[in-house]
Amino acid sequence: MTNFRAFRIHQDDAGYRAGIETMDTDALSPGEVLVKAEWSSVNYKDALAGTGKGKILRIFPLNGGIDVAGTVVASTSPAFKEGDKVLATGSGLSETRDGGYGEYVRLPAEWTVALPTSLTTREAMIIGTAGFTAALALLRMTDNRQTPALGPIAITGATGGVGMLGIDIFSRAGYEVHAISGKADRFDFLRMLGASECVDRHRLAFSGKPMDSAKYGGLLDNVGGTTLAGFLPLISPYGNAAICGLAGSPELSTTVMPFIIRGVSVLGVASAGTARDIRDEVWNRLSGEWRPRHLDAICTREVALEDVTGVFGTMLEGGSFGRTVVRVGS
């Protein structure tokens, strides 16, 4: 038994509350691999969970943080031994089991991923769920015959974590990327990441027609709603729209025309419950041919565990830019 600090979330007769507490490792969720956490990150789901503004946790209390990377200190699984560097993203963290906002976390071996040798634990958390989601989208698209020859990839919500890492990853994979963002003052930054063109979302003028001239080979959408509906008629024959967010709206009003005339495919991207074999493939790509080239630039903020709540409000108000990593270990 070891005492440690954690950002713990409660909901009981006293209401919804969260903050730094001291607990012991015996109180952690069960699992075969005990990890001394070094880094985590802040994702939109973390902000919702930490403030109570979204129904993320399914049981209480739990430690927050859907991402974690650190060093194994004990293991009953033959797949991992003391001293191994590991990571985990999604997989029930901060939903059904204690997450990465604690100096220790206990993980099931099934969802523990060996840290690729080309990445540090900090770099893995800059990538985190956001980069994993973008890379999973690219994997799904390429599995469905997406190629650079089909045309540029439009990425909406381009100044968020998924958007920035998506620009870096897709351009690294050989795609022309058009970044869609309402933050025109960030366009030079997005071009530095690899965007060949930046479009102000406030100036988007969709025709409203069920079909329009094909302009994009594919789409990585973080927004949903009218933005997603507007882009679907612009996708080239047999291009793919990978859907991973709802920053604008969860609703979608469209026609079947892009699907039955051009063969456009809509691919859902649900990173949290990704099967283990696919998860390993994505991390292999992220540490190899899809490794983002601008991680230090994409990481725009680093906070200590006790300061994580200061990030939540800005993120929920749409004011975040890039990735925030959380320094969990001492």
C-alpha atoms as a PDB file:
ATOM      1  CA  MET A   1       0.000   0.000   0.000  1.00  0.00           C
ATOM      2  CA  THR A   2       1.357   3.428  -1.041  1.00  0.00           C
ATOM      3  CA  ASN A   3      -0.236   6.799  -0.356  1.00  0.00           C
ATOM      4  CA  PHE A   4      -0.412   9.224  -3.275  1.00  0.00           C
ATOM      5  CA  ARG A   5      -2.202  12.309  -4.603  1.00  0.00           C
ATOM      6  CA  ALA A   6      -5.025  12.121  -7.109  1.00  0.00           C
ATOM      7  CA  PHE A   7      -7.626  14.365  -8.704  1.00  0.00           C
ATOM      8  CA  ARG A   8     -10.734  12.482  -7.541  1.00  0.00           C
ATOM      9  CA  ILE A   9     -14.317  13.039  -8.653  1.00  0.00           C
ATOM     10  CA  HIS A  10     -17.335  12.389  -6.423  1.00  0.00           C
ATOM     11  CA  GLN A  11     -21.088  12.475  -6.790  1.00  0.00           C
ATOM     12  CA  ASP A  12     -23.147  11.647  -3.717  1.00  0.00           C
ATOM     13  CA  ASP A  13     -25.569  13.239  -1.279  1.00  0.00           C
ATOM     14  CA  ALA A  14     -23.173  16.161  -0.924  1.00  0.00           C
ATOM     15  CA  GLY A  15     -23.339  16.819  -4.683  1.00  0.00           C
ATOM     16  CA  TYR A  16     -20.806  16.768  -7.496  1.00  0.00           C
ATOM     17  CA  ARG A  17     -17.288  17.734  -6.457  1.00  0.00           C
ATOM     18  CA  ALA A  18     -13.723  17.126  -7.536  1.00  0.00           C
ATOM     19  CA  GLY A  19     -10.258  17.995  -6.249  1.00  0.00           C
ATOM     20  CA  ILE A  20      -6.889  16.757  -5.073  1.00  0.00           C
ATOM     21  CA  GLU A  21      -7.063  14.048  -2.415  1.00  0.00           C
ATOM     22  CA  THR A  22      -4.694  11.591  -0.780  1.00  0.00           C
ATOM     23  CA  MET A  23      -5.543   7.938  -1.280  1.00  0.00           C
ATOM     24  CA  ASP A  24      -3.698   4.631  -1.319  1.00  0.00           C
ATOM     25  CA  THR A  25      -2.958   2.180  -4.084  1.00  0.00           C
ATOM     26  CA  ASP A  26      -5.160  -0.490  -2.496  1.00  0.00           C
ATOM     27  CA  ALA A  27      -8.159   1.729  -3.267  1.00  0.00           C
ATOM     28  CA  LEU A  28      -7.459   1.868  -7.014  1.00  0.00           C
ATOM     29  CA  SER A  29      -9.567   0.067  -9.589  1.00  0.00           C
ATOM     30  CA  PRO A  30      -8.452  -3.544 -10.135  1.00  0.00           C
ATOM     31  CA  GLY A  31      -5.970  -4.548 -12.809  1.00  0.00           C
ATOM     32  CA  GLU A  32      -2.809  -6.526 -13.395  1.00  0.00           C
ATOM     33  CA  VAL A  33      -0.438  -3.600 -13.979  1.00  0.00           C
ATOM     34  CA  LEU A  34       0.368  -0.943 -11.371  1.00  0.00           C
ATOM     35  CA  VAL A  35       1.871   2.135 -12.995  1.00  0.00           C
ATOM     36  CA  LYS A  36       3.629   5.126 -11.465  1.00  0.00           C
ATOM     37  CA  ALA A  37       2.151   7.850 -13.609  1.00  0.00           C
ATOM     38  CA  GLU A  38       4.389  10.486 -15.146  1.00  0.00           C
ATOM     39  CA  TRP A  39       2.206  12.365 -17.624  1.00  0.00           C
ATOM     40  CA  SER A  40      -1.425  12.743 -18.606  1.00  0.00           C
ATOM     41  CA  SER A  41      -3.265  15.256 -20.776  1.00  0.00           C
ATOM     42  CA  VAL A  42      -6.425  17.348 -20.861  1.00  0.00           C
ATOM     43  CA  ASN A  43      -9.146  16.385 -23.309  1.00  0.00           C
ATOM     44  CA  TYR A  44     -12.658  17.754 -23.722  1.00  0.00           C
ATOM     45  CA  LYS A  45     -14.041  14.714 -21.893  1.00  0.00           C
ATOM     46  CA  ASP A  46     -11.708  15.452 -18.975  1.00  0.00           C
ATOM     47  CA  ALA A  47     -13.086  18.980 -18.744  1.00  0.00           C
ATOM     48  CA  LEU A  48     -16.660  17.693 -18.807  1.00  0.00           C
ATOM     49  CA  ALA A  49     -15.894  15.075 -16.164  1.00  0.00           C
ATOM     50  CA  GLY A  50     -13.905  17.389 -13.910  1.00  0.00           C
ATOM     51  CA  THR A  51     -16.591  20.067 -13.834  1.00  0.00           C
ATOM     52  CA  GLY A  52     -19.651  17.828 -13.846  1.00  0.00           C
ATOM     53  CA  LYS A  53     -20.924  19.480 -17.034  1.00  0.00           C
ATOM     54  CA  GLY A  54     -21.058  16.177 -18.860  1.00  0.00           C
ATOM     55  CA  LYS A  55     -22.082  12.655 -17.881  1.00  0.00           C
ATOM     56  CA  ILE A  56     -18.739  10.962 -18.386  1.00  0.00           C
ATOM     57  CA  LEU A  57     -18.230   8.890 -15.237  1.00  0.00           C
ATOM     58  CA  ARG A  58     -20.489   5.874 -14.897  1.00  0.00           C
ATOM     59  CA  ILE A  59     -19.488   5.095 -11.322  1.00  0.00           C
ATOM     60  CA  PHE A  60     -18.231   7.258  -8.451  1.00  0.00           C
ATOM     61  CA  PRO A  61     -15.799   8.095  -7.039  1.00  0.00           C
ATOM     62  CA  LEU A  62     -13.076   7.834  -9.668  1.00  0.00           C
ATOM     63  CA  ASN A  63      -9.837   9.590 -10.489  1.00  0.00           C
ATOM     64  CA  GLY A  64     -10.091  11.775 -13.597  1.00  0.00           C
ATOM     65  CA  GLY A  65      -7.931  11.616 -16.718  1.00  0.00           C
ATOM     66  CA  ILE A  66      -8.641   9.509 -19.805  1.00  0.00           C
ATOM     67  CA  ASP A  67      -4.932   9.324 -20.750  1.00  0.00           C
ATOM     68  CA  VAL A  68      -1.832   8.230 -18.833  1.00  0.00           C
ATOM     69  CA  ALA A  69       1.794   7.260 -19.405  1.00  0.00           C
ATOM     70  CA  GLY A  70       4.367   6.118 -16.893  1.00  0.00           C
ATOM     71  CA  THR A  71       6.490   3.269 -15.513  1.00  0.00           C
ATOM     72  CA  VAL A  72       5.345  -0.149 -14.318  1.00  0.00           C
ATOM     73  CA  VAL A  73       6.101  -0.684 -10.622  1.00  0.00           C
ATOM     74  CA  ALA A  74       4.334  -4.034 -10.215  1.00  0.00           C
ATOM     75  CA  SER A  75       2.694  -6.526 -12.546  1.00  0.00           C
ATOM     76  CA  THR A  76       1.006  -9.905 -12.345  1.00  0.00           C
ATOM     77  CA  SER A  77       0.865 -10.101 -16.136  1.00  0.00           C
ATOM     78  CA  PRO A  78       3.685 -11.829 -18.018  1.00  0.00           C
ATOM     79  CA  ALA A  79       3.363  -9.157 -20.715  1.00  0.00           C
ATOM     80  CA  PHE A  80       4.749  -6.412 -18.445  1.00  0.00           C
ATOM     81  CA  LYS A  81       7.477  -6.186 -15.838  1.00  0.00           C
ATOM     82  CA  GLU A  82       8.728  -3.612 -13.372  1.00  0.00           C
ATOM     83  CA  GLY A  83      10.493  -0.763 -15.154  1.00  0.00           C
ATOM     84  CA  ASP A  84       8.546  -1.029 -18.423  1.00  0.00           C
ATOM     85  CA  LYS A  85       7.319   2.241 -19.904  1.00  0.00           C
ATOM     86  CA  VAL A  86       3.636   2.041 -20.826  1.00  0.00           C
ATOM     87  CA  LEU A  87       0.652   4.144 -21.826  1.00  0.00           C
ATOM     88  CA  ALA A  88      -3.117   3.909 -21.934  1.00  0.00           C
ATOM     89  CA  THR A  89      -5.781   6.047 -23.616  1.00  0.00           C
ATOM     90  CA  GLY A  90      -9.527   5.704 -23.238  1.00  0.00           C
ATOM     91  CA  SER A  91     -10.266   2.074 -22.350  1.00  0.00           C
ATOM     92  CA  GLY A  92     -12.660   3.089 -19.558  1.00  0.00           C
ATOM     93  CA  LEU A  93     -10.254   5.451 -17.807  1.00  0.00           C
ATOM     94  CA  SER A  94     -12.230   8.086 -15.892  1.00  0.00           C
ATOM     95  CA  GLU A  95     -15.457   6.398 -16.989  1.00  0.00           C
ATOM     96  CA  THR A  96     -15.618   2.993 -15.344  1.00  0.00           C
ATOM     97  CA  ARG A  97     -12.199   2.908 -13.643  1.00  0.00           C
ATOM     98  CA  ASP A  98      -9.662   5.256 -12.094  1.00  0.00           C
ATOM     99  CA  GLY A  99      -7.901   7.401 -14.662  1.00  0.00           C
ATOM    100  CA  GLY A 100      -4.553   9.074 -15.150  1.00  0.00           C
ATOM    101  CA  TYR A 101      -4.934  12.069 -12.831  1.00  0.00           C
ATOM    102  CA  GLY A 102      -3.223  10.271  -9.987  1.00  0.00           C
ATOM    103  CA  GLU A 103       0.390   9.567  -9.121  1.00  0.00           C
ATOM    104  CA  TYR A 104      -0.450   5.860  -9.478  1.00  0.00           C
ATOM    105  CA  VAL A 105      -2.923   4.048 -11.708  1.00  0.00           C
ATOM    106  CA  ARG A 106      -3.761   0.367 -11.949  1.00  0.00           C
ATOM    107  CA  LEU A 107      -4.514  -0.883 -15.461  1.00  0.00           C
ATOM    108  CA  PRO A 108      -5.801  -4.104 -16.990  1.00  0.00           C
ATOM    109  CA  ALA A 109      -3.028  -5.713 -19.029  1.00  0.00           C
ATOM    110  CA  GLU A 110      -5.477  -5.961 -21.931  1.00  0.00           C
ATOM    111  CA  TRP A 111      -5.504  -2.178 -22.343  1.00  0.00           C
ATOM    112  CA  THR A 112      -1.915  -1.411 -21.334  1.00  0.00           C
ATOM    113  CA  VAL A 113       0.237  -0.485 -24.333  1.00  0.00           C
ATOM    114  CA  ALA A 114       4.016  -0.737 -24.321  1.00  0.00           C
ATOM    115  CA  LEU A 115       5.453   2.712 -24.980  1.00  0.00           C
ATOM    116  CA  PRO A 116       7.013   2.759 -28.476  1.00  0.00           C
ATOM    117  CA  THR A 117      10.770   3.225 -28.205  1.00  0.00           C
ATOM    118  CA  SER A 118      10.694   6.325 -30.410  1.00  0.00           C
ATOM    119  CA  LEU A 119       8.404   8.190 -27.981  1.00  0.00           C
ATOM    120  CA  THR A 120       8.893   9.533 -24.465  1.00  0.00           C
ATOM    121  CA  THR A 121       6.049   9.332 -21.981  1.00  0.00           C
ATOM    122  CA  ARG A 122       5.544  13.098 -22.347  1.00  0.00           C
ATOM    123  CA  GLU A 123       5.410  12.879 -26.145  1.00  0.00           C
ATOM    124  CA  ALA A 124       2.922  10.017 -25.892  1.00  0.00           C
ATOM    125  CA  MET A 125       0.648  12.254 -23.848  1.00  0.00           C
ATOM    126  CA  ILE A 126       0.971  15.186 -26.221  1.00  0.00           C
ATOM    127  CA  ILE A 127      -0.414  12.731 -28.767  1.00  0.00           C
ATOM    128  CA  GLY A 128      -2.801  11.114 -26.279  1.00  0.00           C
ATOM    129  CA  THR A 129      -6.435  10.472 -27.120  1.00  0.00           C
ATOM    130  CA  ALA A 130      -6.456  13.433 -29.537  1.00  0.00           C
ATOM    131  CA  GLY A 131      -3.650  12.146 -31.733  1.00  0.00           C
ATOM    132  CA  PHE A 132      -4.809   8.564 -31.381  1.00  0.00           C
ATOM    133  CA  THR A 133      -8.244   9.645 -32.640  1.00  0.00           C
ATOM    134  CA  ALA A 134      -6.788  11.465 -35.650  1.00  0.00           C
ATOM    135  CA  ALA A 135      -4.574   8.493 -36.531  1.00  0.00           C
ATOM    136  CA  LEU A 136      -7.454   6.049 -36.063  1.00  0.00           C
ATOM    137  CA  ALA A 137      -9.475   8.183 -38.483  1.00  0.00           C
ATOM    138  CA  LEU A 138      -6.673   8.004 -41.032  1.00  0.00           C
ATOM    139  CA  LEU A 139      -6.393   4.237 -40.569  1.00  0.00           C
ATOM    140  CA  ARG A 140     -10.129   3.797 -41.124  1.00  0.00           C
ATOM    141  CA  MET A 141      -9.992   6.022 -44.200  1.00  0.00           C
ATOM    142  CA  THR A 142      -7.030   4.240 -45.766  1.00  0.00           C
ATOM    143  CA  ASP A 143      -8.619   0.882 -45.004  1.00  0.00           C
ATOM    144  CA  ASN A 144     -11.547   2.186 -47.083  1.00  0.00           C
ATOM    145  CA  ARG A 145      -9.263   3.086 -50.019  1.00  0.00           C
ATOM    146  CA  GLN A 146      -8.621   6.765 -49.238  1.00  0.00           C
ATOM    147  CA  THR A 147      -5.549   7.974 -51.116  1.00  0.00           C
ATOM    148  CA  PRO A 148      -3.921  11.379 -51.656  1.00  0.00           C
ATOM    149  CA  ALA A 149      -4.911  11.114 -55.330  1.00  0.00           C
ATOM    150  CA  LEU A 150      -8.587  11.613 -54.392  1.00  0.00           C
ATOM    151  CA  GLY A 151      -7.853  15.192 -53.365  1.00  0.00           C
ATOM    152  CA  PRO A 152      -7.194  17.276 -50.254  1.00  0.00           C
ATOM    153  CA  ILE A 153      -8.466  16.363 -46.805  1.00  0.00           C
ATOM    154  CA  ALA A 154     -10.523  19.028 -45.030  1.00  0.00           C
ATOM    155  CA  ILE A 155     -10.021  19.083 -41.255  1.00  0.00           C
ATOM    156  CA  THR A 156     -12.598  21.003 -39.226  1.00  0.00           C
ATOM    157  CA  GLY A 157     -11.931  22.284 -35.716  1.00  0.00           C
ATOM    158  CA  ALA A 158      -8.332  22.637 -36.829  1.00  0.00           C
ATOM    159  CA  THR A 159      -7.020  24.518 -33.788  1.00  0.00           C
ATOM    160  CA  GLY A 160      -8.134  21.850 -31.314  1.00  0.00           C
ATOM    161  CA  GLY A 161      -5.999  18.913 -30.273  1.00  0.00           C
ATOM    162  CA  VAL A 162      -7.476  16.434 -32.776  1.00  0.00           C
ATOM    163  CA  GLY A 163      -7.368  19.078 -35.501  1.00  0.00           C
ATOM    164  CA  MET A 164      -3.740  20.098 -34.988  1.00  0.00           C
ATOM    165  CA  LEU A 165      -2.486  16.555 -34.668  1.00  0.00           C
ATOM    166  CA  GLY A 166      -4.646  15.572 -37.621  1.00  0.00           C
ATOM    167  CA  ILE A 167      -2.970  18.219 -39.794  1.00  0.00           C
ATOM    168  CA  ASP A 168       0.443  16.970 -38.741  1.00  0.00           C
ATOM    169  CA  ILE A 169      -0.393  13.277 -39.150  1.00  0.00           C
ATOM    170  CA  PHE A 170      -2.285  13.508 -42.459  1.00  0.00           C
ATOM    171  CA  SER A 171       0.340  15.755 -44.046  1.00  0.00           C
ATOM    172  CA  ARG A 172       3.078  13.428 -42.794  1.00  0.00           C
ATOM    173  CA  ALA A 173       1.212  10.577 -44.521  1.00  0.00           C
ATOM    174  CA  GLY A 174       1.332  12.450 -47.830  1.00  0.00           C
ATOM    175  CA  TYR A 175      -2.076  14.139 -47.930  1.00  0.00           C
ATOM    176  CA  GLU A 176      -2.761  17.740 -48.857  1.00  0.00           C
ATOM    177  CA  VAL A 177      -4.611  19.244 -45.880  1.00  0.00           C
ATOM    178  CA  HIS A 178      -7.040  22.154 -45.800  1.00  0.00           C
ATOM    179  CA  ALA A 179      -7.559  23.443 -42.262  1.00  0.00           C
ATOM    180  CA  ILE A 180     -11.008  24.804 -41.332  1.00  0.00           C
ATOM    181  CA  SER A 181     -11.038  27.091 -38.283  1.00  0.00           C
ATOM    182  CA  GLY A 182     -12.734  30.188 -36.935  1.00  0.00           C
ATOM    183  CA  LYS A 183      -9.431  31.428 -35.521  1.00  0.00           C
ATOM    184  CA  ALA A 184      -7.894  33.243 -38.484  1.00  0.00           C
ATOM    185  CA  ASP A 185      -5.116  34.623 -36.286  1.00  0.00           C
ATOM    186  CA  ARG A 186      -3.800  31.037 -35.985  1.00  0.00           C
ATOM    187  CA  PHE A 187      -3.548  30.327 -39.711  1.00  0.00           C
ATOM    188  CA  ASP A 188       0.226  30.800 -39.887  1.00  0.00           C
ATOM    189  CA  PHE A 189       0.592  28.242 -37.107  1.00  0.00           C
ATOM    190  CA  LEU A 190      -1.645  25.761 -38.921  1.00  0.00           C
ATOM    191  CA  ARG A 191       0.387  26.193 -42.095  1.00  0.00           C
ATOM    192  CA  MET A 192       3.529  25.479 -40.099  1.00  0.00           C
ATOM    193  CA  LEU A 193       1.953  22.187 -38.983  1.00  0.00           C
ATOM    194  CA  GLY A 194       1.394  21.179 -42.600  1.00  0.00           C
ATOM    195  CA  ALA A 195      -1.854  22.775 -43.820  1.00  0.00           C
ATOM    196  CA  SER A 196      -1.538  23.904 -47.433  1.00  0.00           C
ATOM    197  CA  GLU A 197      -4.682  26.027 -47.202  1.00  0.00           C
ATOM    198  CA  CYS A 198      -6.617  27.573 -44.300  1.00  0.00           C
ATOM    199  CA  VAL A 199     -10.314  28.465 -44.505  1.00  0.00           C
ATOM    200  CA  ASP A 200     -12.136  30.741 -42.061  1.00  0.00           C
ATOM    201  CA  ARG A 201     -15.221  28.831 -40.978  1.00  0.00           C
ATOM    202  CA  HIS A 202     -17.080  32.134 -40.550  1.00  0.00           C
ATOM    203  CA  ARG A 203     -16.752  32.618 -44.298  1.00  0.00           C
ATOM    204  CA  LEU A 204     -17.888  29.182 -45.355  1.00  0.00           C
ATOM    205  CA  ALA A 205     -20.678  29.515 -47.892  1.00  0.00           C
ATOM    206  CA  PHE A 206     -22.292  26.161 -48.588  1.00  0.00           C
ATOM    207  CA  SER A 207     -24.728  26.128 -51.494  1.00  0.00           C
ATOM    208  CA  GLY A 208     -27.324  24.072 -49.687  1.00  0.00           C
ATOM    209  CA  LYS A 209     -27.645  21.793 -52.699  1.00  0.00           C
ATOM    210  CA  PRO A 210     -27.745  18.044 -52.065  1.00  0.00           C
ATOM    211  CA  MET A 211     -24.766  17.755 -54.456  1.00  0.00           C
ATOM    212  CA  ASP A 212     -22.108  20.296 -55.365  1.00  0.00           C
ATOM    213  CA  SER A 213     -18.815  20.349 -57.251  1.00  0.00           C
ATOM    214  CA  ALA A 214     -16.375  17.927 -55.666  1.00  0.00           C
ATOM    215  CA  LYS A 215     -13.600  19.822 -53.898  1.00  0.00           C
ATOM    216  CA  TYR A 216     -12.210  17.510 -51.225  1.00  0.00           C
ATOM    217  CA  GLY A 217     -10.967  13.958 -51.310  1.00  0.00           C
ATOM    218  CA  GLY A 218     -12.096  13.422 -47.734  1.00  0.00           C
ATOM    219  CA  LEU A 219     -12.971  14.999 -44.406  1.00  0.00           C
ATOM    220  CA  LEU A 220     -11.901  14.689 -40.774  1.00  0.00           C
ATOM    221  CA  ASP A 221     -14.750  16.329 -38.884  1.00  0.00           C
ATOM    222  CA  ASN A 222     -14.675  17.463 -35.259  1.00  0.00           C
ATOM    223  CA  VAL A 223     -17.725  19.712 -35.478  1.00  0.00           C
ATOM    224  CA  GLY A 224     -20.863  17.950 -36.721  1.00  0.00           C
ATOM    225  CA  GLY A 225     -24.104  19.807 -37.397  1.00  0.00           C
ATOM    226  CA  THR A 226     -24.395  22.174 -40.358  1.00  0.00           C
ATOM    227  CA  THR A 227     -20.623  22.116 -40.940  1.00  0.00           C
ATOM    228  CA  LEU A 228     -20.567  18.370 -41.527  1.00  0.00           C
ATOM    229  CA  ALA A 229     -23.746  18.573 -43.614  1.00  0.00           C
ATOM    230  CA  GLY A 230     -22.179  21.309 -45.736  1.00  0.00           C
ATOM    231  CA  PHE A 231     -19.003  19.376 -46.487  1.00  0.00           C
ATOM    232  CA  LEU A 232     -20.591  16.043 -47.458  1.00  0.00           C
ATOM    233  CA  PRO A 233     -21.767  17.282 -50.916  1.00  0.00           C
ATOM    234  CA  LEU A 234     -18.207  18.503 -51.620  1.00  0.00           C
ATOM    235  CA  ILE A 235     -16.451  15.151 -51.228  1.00  0.00           C
ATOM    236  CA  SER A 236     -15.055  13.398 -54.294  1.00  0.00           C
ATOM    237  CA  PRO A 237     -16.348  10.037 -55.516  1.00  0.00           C
ATOM    238  CA  TYR A 238     -15.503   7.263 -53.056  1.00  0.00           C
ATOM    239  CA  GLY A 239     -13.947   9.676 -50.597  1.00  0.00           C
ATOM    240  CA  ASN A 240     -14.475   9.287 -46.851  1.00  0.00           C
ATOM    241  CA  ALA A 241     -15.777  11.519 -44.094  1.00  0.00           C
ATOM    242  CA  ALA A 242     -14.356  10.415 -40.727  1.00  0.00           C
ATOM    243  CA  ILE A 243     -16.515  11.726 -37.884  1.00  0.00           C
ATOM    244  CA  CYS A 244     -15.013  12.097 -34.423  1.00  0.00           C
ATOM    245  CA  GLY A 245     -16.537  15.167 -32.736  1.00  0.00           C
ATOM    246  CA  LEU A 246     -19.558  17.347 -32.069  1.00  0.00           C
ATOM    247  CA  ALA A 247     -18.110  20.721 -31.127  1.00  0.00           C
ATOM    248  CA  GLY A 248     -20.808  22.431 -33.204  1.00  0.00           C
ATOM    249  CA  SER A 249     -23.758  20.083 -32.821  1.00  0.00           C
ATOM    250  CA  PRO A 250     -24.564  16.375 -32.478  1.00  0.00           C
ATOM    251  CA  GLU A 251     -27.341  16.729 -35.051  1.00  0.00           C
ATOM    252  CA  LEU A 252     -27.013  16.038 -38.760  1.00  0.00           C
ATOM    253  CA  SER A 253     -29.525  17.015 -41.442  1.00  0.00           C
ATOM    254  CA  THR A 254     -28.505  15.910 -44.928  1.00  0.00           C
ATOM    255  CA  THR A 255     -29.578  13.838 -47.924  1.00  0.00           C
ATOM    256  CA  VAL A 256     -28.472  10.462 -49.167  1.00  0.00           C
ATOM    257  CA  MET A 257     -27.253  11.941 -52.455  1.00  0.00           C
ATOM    258  CA  PRO A 258     -23.479  12.027 -51.716  1.00  0.00           C
ATOM    259  CA  PHE A 259     -23.671   8.399 -50.623  1.00  0.00           C
ATOM    260  CA  ILE A 260     -25.696   6.907 -53.482  1.00  0.00           C
ATOM    261  CA  ILE A 261     -24.353   9.049 -56.335  1.00  0.00           C
ATOM    262  CA  ARG A 262     -20.677   9.489 -55.397  1.00  0.00           C
ATOM    263  CA  GLY A 263     -20.216   6.542 -53.083  1.00  0.00           C
ATOM    264  CA  VAL A 264     -19.055   8.767 -50.219  1.00  0.00           C
ATOM    265  CA  SER A 265     -18.590   6.856 -46.969  1.00  0.00           C
ATOM    266  CA  VAL A 266     -19.162   8.170 -43.456  1.00  0.00           C
ATOM    267  CA  LEU A 267     -16.826   6.470 -40.992  1.00  0.00           C
ATOM    268  CA  GLY A 268     -17.407   6.716 -37.275  1.00  0.00           C
ATOM    269  CA  VAL A 269     -14.312   7.124 -35.113  1.00  0.00           C
ATOM    270  CA  ALA A 270     -14.827   5.966 -31.515  1.00  0.00           C
ATOM    271  CA  SER A 271     -11.365   5.868 -29.988  1.00  0.00           C
ATOM    272  CA  ALA A 272     -12.173   4.922 -26.390  1.00  0.00           C
ATOM    273  CA  GLY A 273     -13.169   1.322 -27.039  1.00  0.00           C
ATOM    274  CA  THR A 274     -10.833   0.536 -29.929  1.00  0.00           C
ATOM    275  CA  ALA A 275      -9.965  -3.160 -30.182  1.00  0.00           C
ATOM    276  CA  ARG A 276      -6.500  -4.058 -28.937  1.00  0.00           C
ATOM    277  CA  ASP A 277      -5.068  -5.174 -32.280  1.00  0.00           C
ATOM    278  CA  ILE A 278      -6.164  -1.930 -33.936  1.00  0.00           C
ATOM    279  CA  ARG A 279      -4.889   0.059 -30.960  1.00  0.00           C
ATOM    280  CA  ASP A 280      -1.443  -1.494 -31.332  1.00  0.00           C
ATOM    281  CA  GLU A 281      -1.424  -0.788 -35.065  1.00  0.00           C
ATOM    282  CA  VAL A 282      -2.324   2.865 -34.538  1.00  0.00           C
ATOM    283  CA  TRP A 283       0.462   3.375 -31.990  1.00  0.00           C
ATOM    284  CA  ASN A 284       2.925   1.619 -34.275  1.00  0.00           C
ATOM    285  CA  ARG A 285       2.011   4.081 -37.026  1.00  0.00           C
ATOM    286  CA  LEU A 286       2.167   7.036 -34.634  1.00  0.00           C
ATOM    287  CA  SER A 287       5.685   6.083 -33.617  1.00  0.00           C
ATOM    288  CA  GLY A 288       6.723   5.438 -37.206  1.00  0.00           C
ATOM    289  CA  GLU A 289       5.577   6.743 -40.566  1.00  0.00           C
ATOM    290  CA  TRP A 290       2.758   8.852 -39.073  1.00  0.00           C
ATOM    291  CA  ARG A 291       4.771  10.281 -36.185  1.00  0.00           C
ATOM    292  CA  PRO A 292       3.793  13.961 -35.776  1.00  0.00           C
ATOM    293  CA  ARG A 293       6.674  16.299 -36.574  1.00  0.00           C
ATOM    294  CA  HIS A 294       5.610  19.252 -34.419  1.00  0.00           C
ATOM    295  CA  LEU A 295       4.801  17.822 -30.996  1.00  0.00           C
ATOM    296  CA  ASP A 296       6.654  20.530 -29.089  1.00  0.00           C
ATOM    297  CA  ALA A 297       4.701  23.235 -30.911  1.00  0.00           C
ATOM    298  CA  ILE A 298       1.358  21.450 -30.556  1.00  0.00           C
ATOM    299  CA  CYS A 299       1.894  21.196 -26.788  1.00  0.00           C
ATOM    300  CA  THR A 300       0.953  24.762 -25.895  1.00  0.00           C
ATOM    301  CA  ARG A 301       0.584  24.294 -22.147  1.00  0.00           C
ATOM    302  CA  GLU A 302       1.981  22.176 -19.334  1.00  0.00           C
ATOM    303  CA  VAL A 303       0.397  22.104 -15.872  1.00  0.00           C
ATOM    304  CA  ALA A 304       0.955  20.304 -12.602  1.00  0.00           C
ATOM    305  CA  LEU A 305      -1.702  17.939 -11.301  1.00  0.00           C
ATOM    306  CA  GLU A 306      -3.028  20.458  -8.790  1.00  0.00           C
ATOM    307  CA  ASP A 307      -3.531  23.048 -11.538  1.00  0.00           C
ATOM    308  CA  VAL A 308      -5.541  20.905 -13.929  1.00  0.00           C
ATOM    309  CA  THR A 309      -8.884  22.508 -12.999  1.00  0.00           C
ATOM    310  CA  GLY A 310      -7.655  25.829 -14.378  1.00  0.00           C
ATOM    311  CA  VAL A 311      -7.683  24.350 -17.880  1.00  0.00           C
ATOM    312  CA  PHE A 312     -11.240  23.041 -17.869  1.00  0.00           C
ATOM    313  CA  GLY A 313     -13.181  26.307 -18.122  1.00  0.00           C
ATOM    314  CA  THR A 314     -11.203  27.658 -21.064  1.00  0.00           C
ATOM    315  CA  MET A 315     -11.589  24.376 -22.913  1.00  0.00           C
ATOM    316  CA  LEU A 316     -15.350  24.201 -22.382  1.00  0.00           C
ATOM    317  CA  GLU A 317     -15.723  27.800 -23.553  1.00  0.00           C
ATOM    318  CA  GLY A 318     -13.956  26.980 -26.821  1.00  0.00           C
ATOM    319  CA  GLY A 319     -10.869  28.996 -25.992  1.00  0.00           C
ATOM    320  CA  SER A 320      -8.304  26.211 -25.903  1.00  0.00           C
ATOM    321  CA  PHE A 321      -5.502  26.030 -28.429  1.00  0.00           C
ATOM    322  CA  GLY A 322      -3.361  22.961 -28.973  1.00  0.00           C
ATOM    323  CA  ARG A 323      -2.638  20.331 -26.373  1.00  0.00           C
ATOM    324  CA  THR A 324      -2.215  20.605 -22.607  1.00  0.00           C
ATOM    325  CA  VAL A 325      -0.168  17.955 -20.821  1.00  0.00           C
ATOM    326  CA  VAL A 326      -0.390  17.261 -17.106  1.00  0.00           C
ATOM    327  CA  ARG A 327       2.773  16.620 -15.106  1.00  0.00           C
ATOM    328  CA  VAL A 328       1.562  13.914 -12.735  1.00  0.00           C
ATOM    329  CA  GLY A 329       4.810  12.511 -11.369  1.00  0.00           C
ATOM    330  CA  SER A 330       7.266  14.381  -9.229  1.00  0.00           C
END
